[in-house]
């Protein structure tokens, strides 16, 4: 199980960093579903990893990050 949590954490990091890179280079919009999905999934994987490691402050940050991404995805879906 610990190896799966580590893989999840690294995948989450890659997704969040990849989303940031795509927006920063102008390849996708911050309002795009792709950007929001990458952030939401990345933060969800971070939540698992930070919970496992007992990093509560980071876990709370990622719960908020996930809520923001989920709200944006709901807004996108309604449009």
C-alpha atoms as a PDB file:
ATOM      1  CA  UNK A   1       0.000   0.000   0.000  1.00  0.00           C
ATOM      2  CA  UNK A   2       2.730   2.587   0.790  1.00  0.00           C
ATOM      3  CA  UNK A   3       4.091   2.378  -2.771  1.00  0.00           C
ATOM      4  CA  UNK A   4       0.619   3.113  -4.190  1.00  0.00           C
ATOM      5  CA  UNK A   5       0.331   6.190  -1.968  1.00  0.00           C
ATOM      6  CA  UNK A   6       3.753   7.388  -3.154  1.00  0.00           C
ATOM      7  CA  UNK A   7       2.762   6.861  -6.789  1.00  0.00           C
ATOM      8  CA  UNK A   8      -0.482   8.760  -6.180  1.00  0.00           C
ATOM      9  CA  UNK A   9       1.434  11.647  -4.595  1.00  0.00           C
ATOM     10  CA  UNK A  10       3.913  11.881  -7.473  1.00  0.00           C
ATOM     11  CA  UNK A  11       1.144  11.642 -10.062  1.00  0.00           C
ATOM     12  CA  UNK A  12      -0.732  14.412  -8.237  1.00  0.00           C
ATOM     13  CA  UNK A  13       2.394  16.566  -8.302  1.00  0.00           C
ATOM     14  CA  UNK A  14       2.852  15.988 -12.026  1.00  0.00           C
ATOM     15  CA  UNK A  15      -0.766  16.873 -12.753  1.00  0.00           C
ATOM     16  CA  UNK A  16      -0.730  20.111 -10.749  1.00  0.00           C
ATOM     17  CA  UNK A  17       2.653  21.184 -12.117  1.00  0.00           C
ATOM     18  CA  UNK A  18       1.626  20.205 -15.643  1.00  0.00           C
ATOM     19  CA  UNK A  19      -1.557  22.272 -15.357  1.00  0.00           C
ATOM     20  CA  UNK A  20       0.446  25.255 -14.122  1.00  0.00           C
ATOM     21  CA  UNK A  21       2.933  24.867 -16.978  1.00  0.00           C
ATOM     22  CA  UNK A  22       0.146  24.688 -19.579  1.00  0.00           C
ATOM     23  CA  UNK A  23      -1.506  27.863 -18.265  1.00  0.00           C
ATOM     24  CA  UNK A  24       1.778  29.700 -17.799  1.00  0.00           C
ATOM     25  CA  UNK A  25       2.861  28.979 -21.371  1.00  0.00           C
ATOM     26  CA  UNK A  26      -0.533  29.985 -22.762  1.00  0.00           C
ATOM     27  CA  UNK A  27      -1.334  26.524 -24.126  1.00  0.00           C
ATOM     28  CA  UNK A  28      -4.589  26.304 -22.173  1.00  0.00           C
ATOM     29  CA  UNK A  29      -6.820  28.811 -20.440  1.00  0.00           C
ATOM     30  CA  UNK A  30      -7.276  28.915 -16.688  1.00  0.00           C
ATOM     31  CA  UNK A  31     -10.983  28.619 -17.434  1.00  0.00           C
ATOM     32  CA  UNK A  32     -10.586  25.402 -19.449  1.00  0.00           C
ATOM     33  CA  UNK A  33     -11.969  22.078 -18.294  1.00  0.00           C
ATOM     34  CA  UNK A  34      -8.571  20.433 -18.915  1.00  0.00           C
ATOM     35  CA  UNK A  35      -6.830  22.817 -16.527  1.00  0.00           C
ATOM     36  CA  UNK A  36      -9.497  22.385 -13.856  1.00  0.00           C
ATOM     37  CA  UNK A  37      -9.560  18.582 -14.191  1.00  0.00           C
ATOM     38  CA  UNK A  38      -5.773  18.381 -13.899  1.00  0.00           C
ATOM     39  CA  UNK A  39      -5.844  20.530 -10.754  1.00  0.00           C
ATOM     40  CA  UNK A  40      -8.806  18.719  -9.193  1.00  0.00           C
ATOM     41  CA  UNK A  41      -7.399  15.235  -9.811  1.00  0.00           C
ATOM     42  CA  UNK A  42      -3.908  16.304  -8.780  1.00  0.00           C
ATOM     43  CA  UNK A  43      -5.156  17.773  -5.519  1.00  0.00           C
ATOM     44  CA  UNK A  44      -7.277  14.673  -4.817  1.00  0.00           C
ATOM     45  CA  UNK A  45      -4.174  12.507  -5.182  1.00  0.00           C
ATOM     46  CA  UNK A  46      -2.229  14.923  -2.954  1.00  0.00           C
ATOM     47  CA  UNK A  47      -4.964  14.606  -0.317  1.00  0.00           C
ATOM     48  CA  UNK A  48      -4.423  10.849  -0.188  1.00  0.00           C
ATOM     49  CA  UNK A  49      -0.651  11.228   0.033  1.00  0.00           C
ATOM     50  CA  UNK A  50      -0.668  13.986   2.649  1.00  0.00           C
ATOM     51  CA  UNK A  51      -3.233  12.161   4.781  1.00  0.00           C
ATOM     52  CA  UNK A  52      -1.065   9.022   4.674  1.00  0.00           C
ATOM     53  CA  UNK A  53       1.986  10.989   5.785  1.00  0.00           C
ATOM     54  CA  UNK A  54       0.122  12.991   8.433  1.00  0.00           C
ATOM     55  CA  UNK A  55       0.790  16.354   6.746  1.00  0.00           C
ATOM     56  CA  UNK A  56      -2.485  17.897   7.898  1.00  0.00           C
ATOM     57  CA  UNK A  57      -1.777  21.507   6.822  1.00  0.00           C
ATOM     58  CA  UNK A  58      -0.945  20.367   3.305  1.00  0.00           C
ATOM     59  CA  UNK A  59      -3.980  18.085   3.283  1.00  0.00           C
ATOM     60  CA  UNK A  60      -6.285  20.984   4.214  1.00  0.00           C
ATOM     61  CA  UNK A  61      -4.704  23.157   1.515  1.00  0.00           C
ATOM     62  CA  UNK A  62      -5.389  20.452  -1.059  1.00  0.00           C
ATOM     63  CA  UNK A  63      -8.974  19.971   0.144  1.00  0.00           C
ATOM     64  CA  UNK A  64      -9.545  23.677  -0.519  1.00  0.00           C
ATOM     65  CA  UNK A  65      -7.722  23.360  -3.873  1.00  0.00           C
ATOM     66  CA  UNK A  66     -10.012  20.448  -4.805  1.00  0.00           C
ATOM     67  CA  UNK A  67     -13.115  22.431  -3.779  1.00  0.00           C
ATOM     68  CA  UNK A  68     -12.063  25.362  -5.976  1.00  0.00           C
ATOM     69  CA  UNK A  69     -11.407  23.073  -8.937  1.00  0.00           C
ATOM     70  CA  UNK A  70     -14.679  21.204  -8.439  1.00  0.00           C
ATOM     71  CA  UNK A  71     -16.642  24.462  -8.267  1.00  0.00           C
ATOM     72  CA  UNK A  72     -14.975  25.617 -11.501  1.00  0.00           C
ATOM     73  CA  UNK A  73     -15.817  22.310 -13.201  1.00  0.00           C
ATOM     74  CA  UNK A  74     -19.459  22.608 -12.125  1.00  0.00           C
ATOM     75  CA  UNK A  75     -19.549  26.155 -13.535  1.00  0.00           C
ATOM     76  CA  UNK A  76     -17.988  24.947 -16.808  1.00  0.00           C
ATOM     77  CA  UNK A  77     -20.493  22.074 -17.064  1.00  0.00           C
ATOM     78  CA  UNK A  78     -23.429  24.466 -16.603  1.00  0.00           C
ATOM     79  CA  UNK A  79     -22.306  26.717 -19.463  1.00  0.00           C
END
